[in-house]
Amino acid sequence: LAHGEQRYLEIGIALATDPKLLLLDEPTAGMSPEETIQTGEFIKSLADPLTIVLVEHDMEVVLGISDKITVLHNGAFLAEGTVEEVRANAEVQRVYLRE
C-alpha cells in the first residue's frame, strides 16, 4: 500500500472499534499536497459524532479541520482558541504561521 493508503487503513482499524474519541498523531505526515487535502477532509467528516484529538505540525491542516485548537511550542502552552483566535494570535503567527 502507498503511504496515504496505509494511513487510511490505520484510521479505519481504529474506527472499527466504534470509538468516541480518536487520537491521531501526524496523520498527514509524508503525504503529497493532494493527499493531505483529502485526508484533512476525511478527518473533518469524522468529527461528528467523534471527538478527535489531533497532533499535527502542518498548521494549514490544523486550521482547516479544527473547531478548537491548543498550540504548543517546545512542549509549552502557546495559545488556545477557535481557528480565528489562534490565527490572529501574534505568537502563533511568529512561531508557526510566519505571517
Protein backbone atom coordinates (compact mmCIF):
# COMPACT_ATOMS: atom_id res chain seq x y z
CA LEU A 1 0.00 0.00 0.00
CA ALA A 2 1.06 3.57 -0.64
CA HIS A 3 1.81 5.70 2.43
CA GLY A 4 -1.51 7.57 2.26
CA GLU A 5 -3.42 4.32 1.90
CA GLN A 6 -1.61 2.92 4.95
CA ARG A 7 -2.73 5.93 7.00
CA TYR A 8 -6.34 5.44 5.88
CA LEU A 9 -6.10 1.76 6.83
CA GLU A 10 -4.77 2.69 10.28
CA ILE A 11 -7.64 5.14 10.81
CA GLY A 12 -10.10 2.51 9.57
CA ILE A 13 -8.77 -0.04 12.04
CA ALA A 14 -9.19 2.49 14.85
CA LEU A 15 -12.74 3.28 13.70
CA ALA A 16 -13.65 -0.42 13.67
CA THR A 17 -13.69 -0.33 17.48
CA ASP A 18 -16.51 2.27 17.37
CA PRO A 19 -14.60 4.82 19.48
CA LYS A 20 -16.00 8.00 20.97
CA LEU A 21 -12.50 9.55 20.97
CA LEU A 22 -9.99 9.26 18.14
CA LEU A 23 -6.33 10.18 18.72
CA LEU A 24 -4.36 10.99 15.55
CA ASP A 25 -0.62 11.65 15.57
CA GLU A 26 0.63 13.40 12.42
CA PRO A 27 -1.97 11.79 10.14
CA THR A 28 -0.79 13.73 7.07
CA ALA A 29 2.98 13.31 7.58
CA GLY A 30 4.72 12.28 4.38
CA MET A 31 1.68 12.86 2.17
CA SER A 32 1.54 14.81 -1.06
CA PRO A 33 -0.39 18.10 -1.02
CA GLU A 34 -3.35 16.38 -2.70
CA GLU A 35 -3.34 13.50 -0.20
CA THR A 36 -3.08 15.99 2.65
CA ILE A 37 -6.18 17.86 1.47
CA GLN A 38 -8.14 14.61 1.02
CA THR A 39 -7.07 13.32 4.42
CA GLY A 40 -7.98 16.60 6.11
CA GLU A 41 -11.44 16.49 4.55
CA PHE A 42 -11.82 12.85 5.60
CA ILE A 43 -10.81 13.58 9.20
CA LYS A 44 -13.17 16.55 9.35
CA SER A 45 -16.02 14.32 8.15
CA LEU A 46 -15.41 12.03 11.15
CA ALA A 47 -15.78 14.82 13.71
CA ASP A 48 -19.49 14.24 14.24
CA PRO A 49 -20.10 12.29 16.48
CA LEU A 50 -16.42 11.61 17.30
CA THR A 51 -14.14 13.77 19.37
CA ILE A 52 -10.79 13.92 17.59
CA VAL A 53 -7.51 14.86 19.24
CA LEU A 54 -5.00 15.70 16.54
CA VAL A 55 -1.25 16.20 16.86
CA GLU A 56 -0.09 17.89 13.66
CA HIS A 57 2.76 20.22 12.73
CA ASP A 58 1.15 21.39 9.47
CA MET A 59 -0.79 24.40 10.71
CA GLU A 60 -2.78 24.66 7.48
CA VAL A 61 -4.14 21.16 8.16
CA VAL A 62 -4.92 22.09 11.76
CA LEU A 63 -6.62 25.35 10.81
CA GLY A 64 -8.59 23.63 8.06
CA ILE A 65 -10.17 20.89 10.15
CA SER A 66 -10.31 22.05 13.76
CA ASP A 67 -13.00 23.70 15.86
CA LYS A 68 -10.81 24.30 18.90
CA ILE A 69 -7.02 24.45 18.85
CA THR A 70 -4.38 24.27 21.55
CA VAL A 71 -0.94 25.29 20.30
CA LEU A 72 2.25 24.09 21.97
CA HIS A 73 5.78 25.24 21.20
CA ASN A 74 8.77 23.33 22.56
CA GLY A 75 6.37 21.50 24.89
CA ALA A 76 4.96 24.68 26.42
CA PHE A 77 1.47 26.12 26.05
CA LEU A 78 1.39 28.92 23.49
CA ALA A 79 -2.26 29.61 22.66
CA GLU A 80 -5.76 28.17 22.65
CA GLY A 81 -9.00 29.11 20.97
CA THR A 82 -11.02 28.95 17.80
CA VAL A 83 -9.39 28.93 14.39
CA GLU A 84 -9.89 32.69 14.13
CA GLU A 85 -8.44 33.34 17.60
CA VAL A 86 -5.39 31.16 17.01
CA ARG A 87 -4.80 32.58 13.53
CA ALA A 88 -4.90 36.12 14.99
CA ASN A 89 -2.52 35.31 17.88
CA ALA A 90 0.75 37.20 17.38
CA GLU A 91 2.91 34.46 18.95
CA VAL A 92 1.33 31.75 16.80
CA GLN A 93 1.92 33.90 13.74
CA ARG A 94 5.55 34.43 14.68
CA VAL A 95 6.31 30.80 15.55
CA TYR A 96 4.16 28.80 13.14
CA LEU A 97 2.40 30.90 10.53
CA ARG A 98 5.15 33.37 9.62
CA GLU A 99 2.53 35.97 8.74
